[in-house]
PDB file of N, CA and C in Angstrom:
ATOM      1  N   MET A   1     110.934 101.534  96.764  1.00  0.00           N
ATOM      2  CA  MET A   1     110.746 102.570  95.779  1.00  0.00           C
ATOM      3  C   MET A   1     108.865 102.133  95.218  1.00  0.00           C
ATOM      4  N   ILE A   2     108.382 101.154  95.382  1.00  0.00           N
ATOM      5  CA  ILE A   2     107.054 100.964  94.956  1.00  0.00           C
ATOM      6  C   ILE A   2     106.637  99.836  95.944  1.00  0.00           C
ATOM      7  N   ARG A   3     105.524 100.693  96.501  1.00  0.00           N
ATOM      8  CA  ARG A   3     104.722  99.936  97.507  1.00  0.00           C
ATOM      9  C   ARG A   3     103.252 100.192  97.591  1.00  0.00           C
ATOM     10  N   ALA A   4     102.575  98.651  97.005  1.00  0.00           N
ATOM     11  CA  ALA A   4     101.017  99.190  97.245  1.00  0.00           C
ATOM     12  C   ALA A   4     100.020  98.326  98.415  1.00  0.00           C
ATOM     13  N   GLU A   5      99.585  98.905  99.060  1.00  0.00           N
ATOM     14  CA  GLU A   5      98.716  98.430 100.199  1.00  0.00           C
ATOM     15  C   GLU A   5      97.232  98.101 100.460  1.00  0.00           C
ATOM     16  N   ASN A   6      96.912  96.904 100.525  1.00  0.00           N
ATOM     17  CA  ASN A   6      95.431  96.475 100.265  1.00  0.00           C
ATOM     18  C   ASN A   6      94.681  97.022  99.079  1.00  0.00           C
ATOM     19  N   VAL A   7      95.489  97.430  97.669  1.00  0.00           N
ATOM     20  CA  VAL A   7      94.524  97.851  96.742  1.00  0.00           C
ATOM     21  C   VAL A   7      93.426  96.805  96.059  1.00  0.00           C
ATOM     22  N   SER A   8      92.469  97.635  95.634  1.00  0.00           N
ATOM     23  CA  SER A   8      91.221  97.248  95.176  1.00  0.00           C
ATOM     24  C   SER A   8      90.701  98.067  94.481  1.00  0.00           C
ATOM     25  N   LYS A   9      89.848  97.502  93.023  1.00  0.00           N
ATOM     26  CA  LYS A   9      89.605  98.068  92.158  1.00  0.00           C
ATOM     27  C   LYS A   9      88.241  97.402  91.850  1.00  0.00           C
ATOM     28  N   VAL A  10      86.894  98.527  92.139  1.00  0.00           N
ATOM     29  CA  VAL A  10      85.899  97.804  91.681  1.00  0.00           C
ATOM     30  C   VAL A  10      84.955  98.883  90.864  1.00  0.00           C
ATOM     31  N   PHE A  11      85.000  98.175  89.526  1.00  0.00           N
ATOM     32  CA  PHE A  11      83.979  99.187  88.588  1.00  0.00           C
ATOM     33  C   PHE A  11      82.775  99.854  88.772  1.00  0.00           C
ATOM     34  N   LYS A  12      82.222 100.614  88.108  1.00  0.00           N
ATOM     35  CA  LYS A  12      80.802 101.376  88.669  1.00  0.00           C
ATOM     36  C   LYS A  12      79.818  99.884  88.289  1.00  0.00           C
ATOM     37  N   ASN A  13      80.058  99.101  87.236  1.00  0.00           N
ATOM     38  CA  ASN A  13      79.030  98.139  86.847  1.00  0.00           C
ATOM     39  C   ASN A  13      79.277  96.791  88.081  1.00  0.00           C
ATOM     40  N   GLY A  14      80.149  97.232  89.031  1.00  0.00           N
ATOM     41  CA  GLY A  14      79.965  96.338  89.993  1.00  0.00           C
ATOM     42  C   GLY A  14      81.064  95.146  90.036  1.00  0.00           C
ATOM     43  N   PHE A  15      81.746  95.077  88.999  1.00  0.00           N
ATOM     44  CA  PHE A  15      83.209  94.248  88.744  1.00  0.00           C
ATOM     45  C   PHE A  15      84.101  94.432  89.695  1.00  0.00           C
ATOM     46  N   LYS A  16      84.639  93.700  90.447  1.00  0.00           N
ATOM     47  CA  LYS A  16      85.976  93.790  91.292  1.00  0.00           C
ATOM     48  C   LYS A  16      86.883  92.958  90.279  1.00  0.00           C
ATOM     49  N   ALA A  17      87.657  93.930  89.737  1.00  0.00           N
ATOM     50  CA  ALA A  17      88.869  93.606  89.175  1.00  0.00           C
ATOM     51  C   ALA A  17      90.012  93.222  89.764  1.00  0.00           C
ATOM     52  N   VAL A  18      90.223  94.052  91.234  1.00  0.00           N
ATOM     53  CA  VAL A  18      91.827  93.748  92.012  1.00  0.00           C
ATOM     54  C   VAL A  18      91.055  93.754  93.167  1.00  0.00           C
ATOM     55  N   ASP A  19      91.310  92.770  94.012  1.00  0.00           N
ATOM     56  CA  ASP A  19      90.688  92.771  95.414  1.00  0.00           C
ATOM     57  C   ASP A  19      91.857  92.553  96.745  1.00  0.00           C
ATOM     58  N   GLY A  20      92.670  93.695  96.992  1.00  0.00           N
ATOM     59  CA  GLY A  20      93.581  93.479  98.107  1.00  0.00           C
ATOM     60  C   GLY A  20      94.886  93.293  97.546  1.00  0.00           C
ATOM     61  N   VAL A  21      95.523  93.685  96.926  1.00  0.00           N
ATOM     62  CA  VAL A  21      96.711  93.369  96.715  1.00  0.00           C
ATOM     63  C   VAL A  21      97.142  94.599  97.160  1.00  0.00           C
ATOM     64  N   SER A  22      98.703  93.692  97.660  1.00  0.00           N
ATOM     65  CA  SER A  22      99.732  94.086  98.209  1.00  0.00           C
ATOM     66  C   SER A  22     101.226  93.829  97.848  1.00  0.00           C
ATOM     67  N   LEU A  23     101.830  94.721  97.869  1.00  0.00           N
ATOM     68  CA  LEU A  23     103.260  94.256  97.222  1.00  0.00           C
ATOM     69  C   LEU A  23     104.383  95.299  97.486  1.00  0.00           C
ATOM     70  N   GLU A  24     105.369  94.913  97.369  1.00  0.00           N
ATOM     71  CA  GLU A  24     106.842  95.659  97.477  1.00  0.00           C
ATOM     72  C   GLU A  24     107.595  95.793  96.499  1.00  0.00           C
ATOM     73  N   VAL A  25     108.249  96.574  96.087  1.00  0.00           N
ATOM     74  CA  VAL A  25     109.388  96.284  94.883  1.00  0.00           C
ATOM     75  C   VAL A  25     110.284  97.342  95.152  1.00  0.00           C
ATOM     76  N   ALA A  26     111.558  97.024  95.817  1.00  0.00           N
ATOM     77  CA  ALA A  26     112.561  97.495  96.382  1.00  0.00           C
ATOM     78  C   ALA A  26     113.210  98.260  94.867  1.00  0.00           C
ATOM     79  N   GLN A  27     114.058  99.484  95.119  1.00  0.00           N
ATOM     80  CA  GLN A  27     114.530 100.218  93.972  1.00  0.00           C
ATOM     81  C   GLN A  27     115.927  99.482  93.327  1.00  0.00           C
ATOM     82  N   GLY A  28     115.843  99.107  92.077  1.00  0.00           N
ATOM     83  CA  GLY A  28     116.750  98.290  91.507  1.00  0.00           C
ATOM     84  C   GLY A  28     116.015  96.806  90.888  1.00  0.00           C
ATOM     85  N   ASP A  29     114.942  96.524  91.194  1.00  0.00           N
ATOM     86  CA  ASP A  29     114.340  94.983  91.268  1.00  0.00           C
ATOM     87  C   ASP A  29     113.886  95.127  90.326  1.00  0.00           C
ATOM     88  N   VAL A  30     113.348  94.140  89.253  1.00  0.00           N
ATOM     89  CA  VAL A  30     113.047  94.232  88.407  1.00  0.00           C
ATOM     90  C   VAL A  30     111.522  93.247  88.451  1.00  0.00           C
ATOM     91  N   PHE A  31     110.288  93.628  88.571  1.00  0.00           N
ATOM     92  CA  PHE A  31     109.041  93.040  88.792  1.00  0.00           C
ATOM     93  C   PHE A  31     108.231  92.650  87.753  1.00  0.00           C
ATOM     94  N   GLY A  32     107.545  91.529  87.699  1.00  0.00           N
ATOM     95  CA  GLY A  32     106.741  91.403  86.449  1.00  0.00           C
ATOM     96  C   GLY A  32     105.176  90.650  86.736  1.00  0.00           C
ATOM     97  N   PHE A  33     104.068  91.132  85.999  1.00  0.00           N
ATOM     98  CA  PHE A  33     102.980  90.325  86.687  1.00  0.00           C
ATOM     99  C   PHE A  33     102.775  89.411  85.526  1.00  0.00           C
ATOM    100  N   LEU A  34     102.354  87.983  86.252  1.00  0.00           N
ATOM    101  CA  LEU A  34     102.011  86.882  85.666  1.00  0.00           C
ATOM    102  C   LEU A  34     100.706  86.605  86.020  1.00  0.00           C
ATOM    103  N   GLY A  35      99.846  85.812  85.105  1.00  0.00           N
ATOM    104  CA  GLY A  35      98.815  85.255  85.551  1.00  0.00           C
ATOM    105  C   GLY A  35      97.912  85.067  84.415  1.00  0.00           C
ATOM    106  N   PRO A  36      96.783  84.627  84.369  1.00  0.00           N
ATOM    107  CA  PRO A  36      95.611  84.203  83.640  1.00  0.00           C
ATOM    108  C   PRO A  36      95.048  85.128  82.977  1.00  0.00           C
ATOM    109  N   ASN A  37      94.410  85.531  81.951  1.00  0.00           N
ATOM    110  CA  ASN A  37      93.507  86.699  81.829  1.00  0.00           C
ATOM    111  C   ASN A  37      92.491  86.884  82.172  1.00  0.00           C
ATOM    112  N   GLY A  38      92.182  88.206  83.167  1.00  0.00           N
ATOM    113  CA  GLY A  38      91.004  88.638  83.487  1.00  0.00           C
ATOM    114  C   GLY A  38      91.737  88.333  85.366  1.00  0.00           C
ATOM    115  N   ALA A  39      92.720  88.327  85.357  1.00  0.00           N
ATOM    116  CA  ALA A  39      93.451  88.118  86.738  1.00  0.00           C
ATOM    117  C   ALA A  39      93.450  89.478  87.571  1.00  0.00           C
ATOM    118  N   GLY A  40      93.636  90.645  86.654  1.00  0.00           N
ATOM    119  CA  GLY A  40      93.189  91.778  87.261  1.00  0.00           C
ATOM    120  C   GLY A  40      94.982  92.400  86.920  1.00  0.00           C
ATOM    121  N   LYS A  41      95.933  91.818  86.292  1.00  0.00           N
ATOM    122  CA  LYS A  41      97.195  92.517  86.034  1.00  0.00           C
ATOM    123  C   LYS A  41      97.291  94.182  85.441  1.00  0.00           C
ATOM    124  N   THR A  42      96.426  94.300  84.421  1.00  0.00           N
ATOM    125  CA  THR A  42      96.574  95.649  83.707  1.00  0.00           C
ATOM    126  C   THR A  42      95.615  96.393  84.668  1.00  0.00           C
ATOM    127  N   THR A  43      94.922  95.911  85.167  1.00  0.00           N
ATOM    128  CA  THR A  43      94.289  96.992  86.337  1.00  0.00           C
ATOM    129  C   THR A  43      94.927  97.538  87.193  1.00  0.00           C
ATOM    130  N   THR A  44      95.508  96.288  87.725  1.00  0.00           N
ATOM    131  CA  THR A  44      96.724  96.750  88.673  1.00  0.00           C
ATOM    132  C   THR A  44      97.771  97.793  88.140  1.00  0.00           C
ATOM    133  N   MET A  45      98.293  97.749  87.316  1.00  0.00           N
ATOM    134  CA  MET A  45      99.079  98.490  86.804  1.00  0.00           C
ATOM    135  C   MET A  45      98.604  99.778  86.347  1.00  0.00           C
ATOM    136  N   ARG A  46      97.198 100.098  86.340  1.00  0.00           N
ATOM    137  CA  ARG A  46      96.615 100.907  85.487  1.00  0.00           C
ATOM    138  C   ARG A  46      96.308 101.594  87.112  1.00  0.00           C
ATOM    139  N   VAL A  47      95.866 101.186  87.942  1.00  0.00           N
ATOM    140  CA  VAL A  47      95.817 101.853  89.292  1.00  0.00           C
ATOM    141  C   VAL A  47      97.466 102.373  89.642  1.00  0.00           C
ATOM    142  N   MET A  48      98.157 101.913  89.733  1.00  0.00           N
ATOM    143  CA  MET A  48      99.467 101.925  90.513  1.00  0.00           C
ATOM    144  C   MET A  48     100.358 103.212  89.423  1.00  0.00           C
ATOM    145  N   THR A  49      99.701 103.294  88.268  1.00  0.00           N
ATOM    146  CA  THR A  49     100.128 104.410  87.527  1.00  0.00           C
ATOM    147  C   THR A  49      99.683 105.225  87.618  1.00  0.00           C
ATOM    148  N   GLY A  50      98.207 105.514  88.248  1.00  0.00           N
ATOM    149  CA  GLY A  50      97.763 106.817  88.024  1.00  0.00           C
ATOM    150  C   GLY A  50      96.340 106.909  87.097  1.00  0.00           C
ATOM    151  N   ILE A  51      96.421 105.891  86.162  1.00  0.00           N
ATOM    152  CA  ILE A  51      95.170 105.769  85.183  1.00  0.00           C
ATOM    153  C   ILE A  51      94.087 105.277  86.103  1.00  0.00           C
ATOM    154  N   TYR A  52      93.996 104.706  86.589  1.00  0.00           N
ATOM    155  CA  TYR A  52      92.516 104.779  87.250  1.00  0.00           C
ATOM    156  C   TYR A  52      92.926 104.908  89.368  1.00  0.00           C
ATOM    157  N   ARG A  53      91.627 105.354  89.535  1.00  0.00           N
ATOM    158  CA  ARG A  53      92.080 105.405  91.064  1.00  0.00           C
ATOM    159  C   ARG A  53      91.723 104.139  91.627  1.00  0.00           C
ATOM    160  N   PRO A  54      92.153 103.881  92.838  1.00  0.00           N
ATOM    161  CA  PRO A  54      91.717 102.507  93.353  1.00  0.00           C
ATOM    162  C   PRO A  54      90.301 103.092  94.216  1.00  0.00           C
ATOM    163  N   THR A  55      89.655 101.948  94.156  1.00  0.00           N
ATOM    164  CA  THR A  55      88.285 101.945  95.027  1.00  0.00           C
ATOM    165  C   THR A  55      88.752 101.797  96.442  1.00  0.00           C
ATOM    166  N   ALA A  56      90.388 101.223  97.059  1.00  0.00           N
ATOM    167  CA  ALA A  56      90.588 101.174  98.400  1.00  0.00           C
ATOM    168  C   ALA A  56      92.398 100.817  98.220  1.00  0.00           C
ATOM    169  N   GLY A  57      92.740 101.064  99.300  1.00  0.00           N
ATOM    170  CA  GLY A  57      93.964 100.918  99.402  1.00  0.00           C
ATOM    171  C   GLY A  57      95.002 101.933  98.809  1.00  0.00           C
ATOM    172  N   THR A  58      96.277 102.054  98.923  1.00  0.00           N
ATOM    173  CA  THR A  58      97.282 103.040  98.502  1.00  0.00           C
ATOM    174  C   THR A  58      98.374 102.529  97.823  1.00  0.00           C
ATOM    175  N   VAL A  59      98.924 103.164  96.899  1.00  0.00           N
ATOM    176  CA  VAL A  59     100.113 102.771  96.282  1.00  0.00           C
ATOM    177  C   VAL A  59     101.075 104.455  96.465  1.00  0.00           C
ATOM    178  N   ILE A  60     102.276 103.533  96.944  1.00  0.00           N
ATOM    179  CA  ILE A  60     103.392 104.763  97.060  1.00  0.00           C
ATOM    180  C   ILE A  60     104.221 104.531  95.957  1.00  0.00           C
ATOM    181  N   ILE A  61     104.867 105.781  95.369  1.00  0.00           N
ATOM    182  CA  ILE A  61     105.975 105.310  94.416  1.00  0.00           C
ATOM    183  C   ILE A  61     107.071 106.274  94.668  1.00  0.00           C
ATOM    184  N   ASP A  62     108.648 105.638  95.171  1.00  0.00           N
ATOM    185  CA  ASP A  62     109.412 106.737  95.998  1.00  0.00           C
ATOM    186  C   ASP A  62     108.844 107.728  96.818  1.00  0.00           C
ATOM    187  N   GLY A  63     108.029 107.544  97.861  1.00  0.00           N
ATOM    188  CA  GLY A  63     107.862 108.017  98.845  1.00  0.00           C
ATOM    189  C   GLY A  63     106.811 108.974  98.293  1.00  0.00           C
ATOM    190  N   LYS A  64     106.118 108.851  97.223  1.00  0.00           N
ATOM    191  CA  LYS A  64     104.879 109.777  97.027  1.00  0.00           C
ATOM    192  C   LYS A  64     103.880 108.828  96.476  1.00  0.00           C
ATOM    193  N   ASP A  65     102.389 109.419  97.416  1.00  0.00           N
ATOM    194  CA  ASP A  65     101.482 108.944  97.092  1.00  0.00           C
ATOM    195  C   ASP A  65     100.711 108.971  95.383  1.00  0.00           C
ATOM    196  N   ILE A  66     100.445 107.949  94.912  1.00  0.00           N
ATOM    197  CA  ILE A  66     100.043 108.284  93.664  1.00  0.00           C
ATOM    198  C   ILE A  66      98.633 108.834  93.435  1.00  0.00           C
ATOM    199  N   GLN A  67      97.910 109.086  94.325  1.00  0.00           N
ATOM    200  CA  GLN A  67      96.886 109.968  94.579  1.00  0.00           C
ATOM    201  C   GLN A  67      96.548 111.115  95.064  1.00  0.00           C
ATOM    202  N   LYS A  68      97.534 111.371  95.765  1.00  0.00           N
ATOM    203  CA  LYS A  68      97.694 112.886  96.381  1.00  0.00           C
ATOM    204  C   LYS A  68      99.002 113.352  95.452  1.00  0.00           C
ATOM    205  N   ASP A  69      99.707 112.660  94.866  1.00  0.00           N
ATOM    206  CA  ASP A  69     100.886 113.731  94.014  1.00  0.00           C
ATOM    207  C   ASP A  69     101.056 113.048  92.731  1.00  0.00           C
ATOM    208  N   ALA A  70      99.906 112.902  92.345  1.00  0.00           N
ATOM    209  CA  ALA A  70     100.138 112.038  91.121  1.00  0.00           C
ATOM    210  C   ALA A  70     101.163 112.881  89.663  1.00  0.00           C
ATOM    211  N   GLN A  71     101.039 113.859  89.965  1.00  0.00           N
ATOM    212  CA  GLN A  71     102.141 114.950  88.776  1.00  0.00           C
ATOM    213  C   GLN A  71     103.400 114.285  88.752  1.00  0.00           C
ATOM    214  N   THR A  72     103.737 114.295  90.092  1.00  0.00           N
ATOM    215  CA  THR A  72     105.425 114.137  90.716  1.00  0.00           C
ATOM    216  C   THR A  72     105.572 112.589  90.289  1.00  0.00           C
ATOM    217  N   VAL A  73     104.443 111.682  90.506  1.00  0.00           N
ATOM    218  CA  VAL A  73     104.938 110.606  90.435  1.00  0.00           C
ATOM    219  C   VAL A  73     104.958 110.048  89.110  1.00  0.00           C
ATOM    220  N   LYS A  74     104.054 110.767  88.647  1.00  0.00           N
ATOM    221  CA  LYS A  74     104.596 110.418  86.547  1.00  0.00           C
ATOM    222  C   LYS A  74     105.499 111.109  86.006  1.00  0.00           C
ATOM    223  N   HIS A  75     106.227 111.660  86.931  1.00  0.00           N
ATOM    224  CA  HIS A  75     108.018 112.421  86.344  1.00  0.00           C
ATOM    225  C   HIS A  75     108.664 111.666  86.530  1.00  0.00           C
ATOM    226  N   VAL A  76     108.431 110.224  87.260  1.00  0.00           N
ATOM    227  CA  VAL A  76     109.518 109.235  87.821  1.00  0.00           C
ATOM    228  C   VAL A  76     109.382 108.120  87.446  1.00  0.00           C
ATOM    229  N   ILE A  77     108.205 107.887  86.650  1.00  0.00           N
ATOM    230  CA  ILE A  77     107.780 106.308  86.429  1.00  0.00           C
ATOM    231  C   ILE A  77     107.643 106.565  84.684  1.00  0.00           C
ATOM    232  N   GLY A  78     107.744 105.354  84.447  1.00  0.00           N
ATOM    233  CA  GLY A  78     107.367 104.860  82.688  1.00  0.00           C
ATOM    234  C   GLY A  78     107.134 103.482  82.709  1.00  0.00           C
ATOM    235  N   VAL A  79     105.924 103.295  81.955  1.00  0.00           N
ATOM    236  CA  VAL A  79     105.319 102.073  81.678  1.00  0.00           C
ATOM    237  C   VAL A  79     105.344 101.576  80.114  1.00  0.00           C
ATOM    238  N   LEU A  80     105.662 100.360  79.838  1.00  0.00           N
ATOM    239  CA  LEU A  80     105.496  99.823  78.404  1.00  0.00           C
ATOM    240  C   LEU A  80     104.615  98.852  78.480  1.00  0.00           C
ATOM    241  N   PRO A  81     103.426  99.512  77.990  1.00  0.00           N
ATOM    242  CA  PRO A  81     102.064  98.411  78.082  1.00  0.00           C
ATOM    243  C   PRO A  81     102.163  97.321  76.997  1.00  0.00           C
ATOM    244  N   GLU A  82     101.327  96.299  77.386  1.00  0.00           N
ATOM    245  CA  GLU A  82     101.255  95.245  76.322  1.00  0.00           C
ATOM    246  C   GLU A  82     101.003  95.453  74.818  1.00  0.00           C
ATOM    247  N   SER A  83     100.104  96.503  74.590  1.00  0.00           N
ATOM    248  CA  SER A  83      99.847  96.813  73.162  1.00  0.00           C
ATOM    249  C   SER A  83     100.593  98.059  72.956  1.00  0.00           C
ATOM    250  N   SER A  84     100.570  98.433  71.520  1.00  0.00           N
ATOM    251  CA  SER A  84     101.182  99.603  71.241  1.00  0.00           C
ATOM    252  C   SER A  84     100.633 100.637  71.759  1.00  0.00           C
ATOM    253  N   GLY A  85      99.196 100.963  71.368  1.00  0.00           N
ATOM    254  CA  GLY A  85      98.571 102.442  71.931  1.00  0.00           C
ATOM    255  C   GLY A  85      98.856 103.474  71.344  1.00  0.00           C
ATOM    256  N   TYR A  86      99.549 103.684  70.439  1.00  0.00           N
ATOM    257  CA  TYR A  86      99.774 105.041  69.873  1.00  0.00           C
ATOM    258  C   TYR A  86      98.845 105.204  69.121  1.00  0.00           C
ATOM    259  N   TYR A  87      98.708 106.627  68.708  1.00  0.00           N
ATOM    260  CA  TYR A  87      97.721 107.196  67.825  1.00  0.00           C
ATOM    261  C   TYR A  87      98.587 107.365  66.400  1.00  0.00           C
ATOM    262  N   GLU A  88      98.051 106.787  65.414  1.00  0.00           N
ATOM    263  CA  GLU A  88      98.687 106.428  64.337  1.00  0.00           C
ATOM    264  C   GLU A  88      98.667 107.514  63.284  1.00  0.00           C
ATOM    265  N   TRP A  89      97.513 108.490  63.562  1.00  0.00           N
ATOM    266  CA  TRP A  89      97.595 109.577  62.680  1.00  0.00           C
ATOM    267  C   TRP A  89      98.817 110.842  63.328  1.00  0.00           C
ATOM    268  N   MET A  90      99.318 110.654  64.288  1.00  0.00           N
ATOM    269  CA  MET A  90     100.227 111.524  64.877  1.00  0.00           C
ATOM    270  C   MET A  90     101.777 111.109  64.456  1.00  0.00           C
ATOM    271  N   THR A  91     102.602 112.038  64.204  1.00  0.00           N
ATOM    272  CA  THR A  91     103.851 111.440  63.821  1.00  0.00           C
ATOM    273  C   THR A  91     104.623 111.456  65.339  1.00  0.00           C
ATOM    274  N   GLY A  92     106.081 110.874  65.071  1.00  0.00           N
ATOM    275  CA  GLY A  92     106.730 110.588  66.390  1.00  0.00           C
ATOM    276  C   GLY A  92     106.542 111.535  67.199  1.00  0.00           C
ATOM    277  N   SER A  93     107.046 112.862  66.611  1.00  0.00           N
ATOM    278  CA  SER A  93     107.433 114.263  67.256  1.00  0.00           C
ATOM    279  C   SER A  93     106.135 114.603  68.038  1.00  0.00           C
ATOM    280  N   GLN A  94     105.053 114.523  67.382  1.00  0.00           N
ATOM    281  CA  GLN A  94     104.028 115.135  67.617  1.00  0.00           C
ATOM    282  C   GLN A  94     102.905 113.960  69.105  1.00  0.00           C
ATOM    283  N   TYR A  95     103.749 112.576  68.675  1.00  0.00           N
ATOM    284  CA  TYR A  95     102.935 111.864  70.078  1.00  0.00           C
ATOM    285  C   TYR A  95     103.931 112.176  71.258  1.00  0.00           C
ATOM    286  N   LEU A  96     105.370 112.507  70.867  1.00  0.00           N
ATOM    287  CA  LEU A  96     106.068 112.492  72.627  1.00  0.00           C
ATOM    288  C   LEU A  96     105.675 114.012  72.922  1.00  0.00           C
ATOM    289  N   GLN A  97     105.239 114.945  71.794  1.00  0.00           N
ATOM    290  CA  GLN A  97     104.557 116.502  72.281  1.00  0.00           C
ATOM    291  C   GLN A  97     103.467 116.619  72.959  1.00  0.00           C
ATOM    292  N   TYR A  98     102.525 115.238  72.722  1.00  0.00           N
ATOM    293  CA  TYR A  98     101.120 115.174  73.073  1.00  0.00           C
ATOM    294  C   TYR A  98     101.378 114.936  74.857  1.00  0.00           C
ATOM    295  N   PHE A  99     101.818 113.918  74.953  1.00  0.00           N
ATOM    296  CA  PHE A  99     102.229 113.148  76.046  1.00  0.00           C
ATOM    297  C   PHE A  99     103.133 113.788  77.063  1.00  0.00           C
ATOM    298  N   GLY A 100     103.767 114.915  76.543  1.00  0.00           N
ATOM    299  CA  GLY A 100     104.653 115.541  77.427  1.00  0.00           C
ATOM    300  C   GLY A 100     104.280 116.628  78.082  1.00  0.00           C
ATOM    301  N   GLN A 101     102.804 117.130  77.015  1.00  0.00           N
ATOM    302  CA  GLN A 101     101.971 117.874  77.727  1.00  0.00           C
ATOM    303  C   GLN A 101     101.015 117.513  78.597  1.00  0.00           C
ATOM    304  N   LEU A 102     100.265 116.282  78.251  1.00  0.00           N
ATOM    305  CA  LEU A 102      99.633 115.727  79.042  1.00  0.00           C
ATOM    306  C   LEU A 102     100.202 115.474  80.887  1.00  0.00           C
ATOM    307  N   PHE A 103     101.308 115.210  80.384  1.00  0.00           N
ATOM    308  CA  PHE A 103     102.127 115.018  81.818  1.00  0.00           C
ATOM    309  C   PHE A 103     102.624 116.280  82.079  1.00  0.00           C
ATOM    310  N   GLY A 104     101.886 117.306  81.559  1.00  0.00           N
ATOM    311  CA  GLY A 104     102.546 118.687  82.481  1.00  0.00           C
ATOM    312  C   GLY A 104     103.698 119.386  81.912  1.00  0.00           C
ATOM    313  N   VAL A 105     104.235 118.806  81.207  1.00  0.00           N
ATOM    314  CA  VAL A 105     105.633 119.465  80.501  1.00  0.00           C
ATOM    315  C   VAL A 105     104.975 120.607  79.614  1.00  0.00           C
ATOM    316  N   VAL A 106     104.854 121.761  79.841  1.00  0.00           N
ATOM    317  CA  VAL A 106     104.421 122.781  79.102  1.00  0.00           C
ATOM    318  C   VAL A 106     104.953 123.964  78.910  1.00  0.00           C
ATOM    319  N   ASP A 107     106.285 123.603  79.121  1.00  0.00           N
ATOM    320  CA  ASP A 107     107.416 124.896  79.511  1.00  0.00           C
ATOM    321  C   ASP A 107     107.894 124.831  77.860  1.00  0.00           C
ATOM    322  N   ASP A 108     108.264 126.133  77.715  1.00  0.00           N
ATOM    323  CA  ASP A 108     108.930 126.428  76.078  1.00  0.00           C
ATOM    324  C   ASP A 108     109.893 125.713  75.679  1.00  0.00           C
ATOM    325  N   GLY A 109     110.598 124.972  76.250  1.00  0.00           N
ATOM    326  CA  GLY A 109     111.594 123.964  75.766  1.00  0.00           C
ATOM    327  C   GLY A 109     111.225 122.444  75.544  1.00  0.00           C
ATOM    328  N   LEU A 110     109.625 122.913  75.509  1.00  0.00           N
ATOM    329  CA  LEU A 110     109.092 121.278  75.092  1.00  0.00           C
ATOM    330  C   LEU A 110     110.027 120.883  73.890  1.00  0.00           C
ATOM    331  N   THR A 111     109.792 121.517  72.814  1.00  0.00           N
ATOM    332  CA  THR A 111     110.206 121.334  71.429  1.00  0.00           C
ATOM    333  C   THR A 111     111.923 120.525  71.800  1.00  0.00           C
ATOM    334  N   LEU A 112     112.282 121.360  72.426  1.00  0.00           N
ATOM    335  CA  LEU A 112     113.796 120.859  72.507  1.00  0.00           C
ATOM    336  C   LEU A 112     113.612 119.478  72.908  1.00  0.00           C
ATOM    337  N   ARG A 113     113.187 119.495  74.151  1.00  0.00           N
ATOM    338  CA  ARG A 113     113.314 118.002  74.752  1.00  0.00           C
ATOM    339  C   ARG A 113     112.650 116.759  73.931  1.00  0.00           C
ATOM    340  N   VAL A 114     111.805 117.210  73.196  1.00  0.00           N
ATOM    341  CA  VAL A 114     111.202 116.121  72.099  1.00  0.00           C
ATOM    342  C   VAL A 114     112.271 115.894  71.173  1.00  0.00           C
ATOM    343  N   SER A 115     112.960 117.214  70.573  1.00  0.00           N
ATOM    344  CA  SER A 115     114.216 116.343  69.917  1.00  0.00           C
ATOM    345  C   SER A 115     115.506 115.765  70.569  1.00  0.00           C
ATOM    346  N   SER A 116     115.766 116.340  71.455  1.00  0.00           N
ATOM    347  CA  SER A 116     116.830 115.905  72.360  1.00  0.00           C
ATOM    348  C   SER A 116     116.432 114.226  72.435  1.00  0.00           C
ATOM    349  N   LEU A 117     115.190 113.889  72.802  1.00  0.00           N
ATOM    350  CA  LEU A 117     114.949 112.254  73.087  1.00  0.00           C
ATOM    351  C   LEU A 117     114.699 111.458  71.582  1.00  0.00           C
ATOM    352  N   MET A 118     114.464 112.247  70.535  1.00  0.00           N
ATOM    353  CA  MET A 118     114.228 111.312  69.214  1.00  0.00           C
ATOM    354  C   MET A 118     115.942 111.003  68.586  1.00  0.00           C
ATOM    355  N   ARG A 119     116.764 111.919  69.483  1.00  0.00           N
ATOM    356  CA  ARG A 119     118.461 111.920  68.750  1.00  0.00           C
ATOM    357  C   ARG A 119     118.882 110.934  69.743  1.00  0.00           C
ATOM    358  N   THR A 120     118.351 110.977  70.961  1.00  0.00           N
ATOM    359  CA  THR A 120     118.473 109.871  71.771  1.00  0.00           C
ATOM    360  C   THR A 120     118.456 108.559  71.401  1.00  0.00           C
ATOM    361  N   LEU A 121     117.148 107.993  70.864  1.00  0.00           N
ATOM    362  CA  LEU A 121     116.488 107.228  70.440  1.00  0.00           C
ATOM    363  C   LEU A 121     117.117 106.325  69.257  1.00  0.00           C
ATOM    364  N   GLY A 122     117.580 107.594  68.629  1.00  0.00           N
ATOM    365  CA  GLY A 122     118.600 107.296  67.283  1.00  0.00           C
ATOM    366  C   GLY A 122     117.266 107.561  66.526  1.00  0.00           C
ATOM    367  N   LEU A 123     116.206 108.620  66.472  1.00  0.00           N
ATOM    368  CA  LEU A 123     115.329 108.972  65.743  1.00  0.00           C
ATOM    369  C   LEU A 123     115.280 110.233  64.705  1.00  0.00           C
ATOM    370  N   ALA A 124     116.848 110.662  64.900  1.00  0.00           N
ATOM    371  CA  ALA A 124     116.507 112.011  64.377  1.00  0.00           C
ATOM    372  C   ALA A 124     116.493 112.203  62.922  1.00  0.00           C
ATOM    373  N   GLY A 125     115.901 112.917  62.603  1.00  0.00           N
ATOM    374  CA  GLY A 125     115.468 112.865  60.784  1.00  0.00           C
ATOM    375  C   GLY A 125     114.389 112.195  60.601  1.00  0.00           C
ATOM    376  N   LYS A 126     113.921 111.163  61.433  1.00  0.00           N
ATOM    377  CA  LYS A 126     112.572 110.862  61.273  1.00  0.00           C
ATOM    378  C   LYS A 126     111.682 111.116  62.290  1.00  0.00           C
ATOM    379  N   GLU A 127     111.492 112.219  62.507  1.00  0.00           N
ATOM    380  CA  GLU A 127     110.577 112.840  63.519  1.00  0.00           C
ATOM    381  C   GLU A 127     109.030 112.791  62.937  1.00  0.00           C
ATOM    382  N   ASN A 128     108.688 112.695  61.519  1.00  0.00           N
ATOM    383  CA  ASN A 128     107.270 112.703  60.703  1.00  0.00           C
ATOM    384  C   ASN A 128     107.334 111.304  60.431  1.00  0.00           C
TER     385      ASN A 128
END
């Protein structure tokens, strides 16, 4: 399901945050990153989810290369970051619509999809 091969990330200032990480996670497995601050956990996750482009290496998720087919990959993954990262000036409904559009969900049914998700999460009536 997830395969990373020799993934590295070097930032413009020359800082090497990730150096040759390789791993494989089978479908249905649960995998976590543990390590001290500055070990590259967050950067690795950002590369694996397409937020950052790797300096070297490849990430394959569900048979798709995260760099070559990022939009498709983003439709099959979900990420729960360590910090909330939400925009406090947005309502719950606005937040879901914003990220839906960001990930390419621009069809006429976006509002219906957001409403359905709010119901599924038990937040119907609390959208604002």
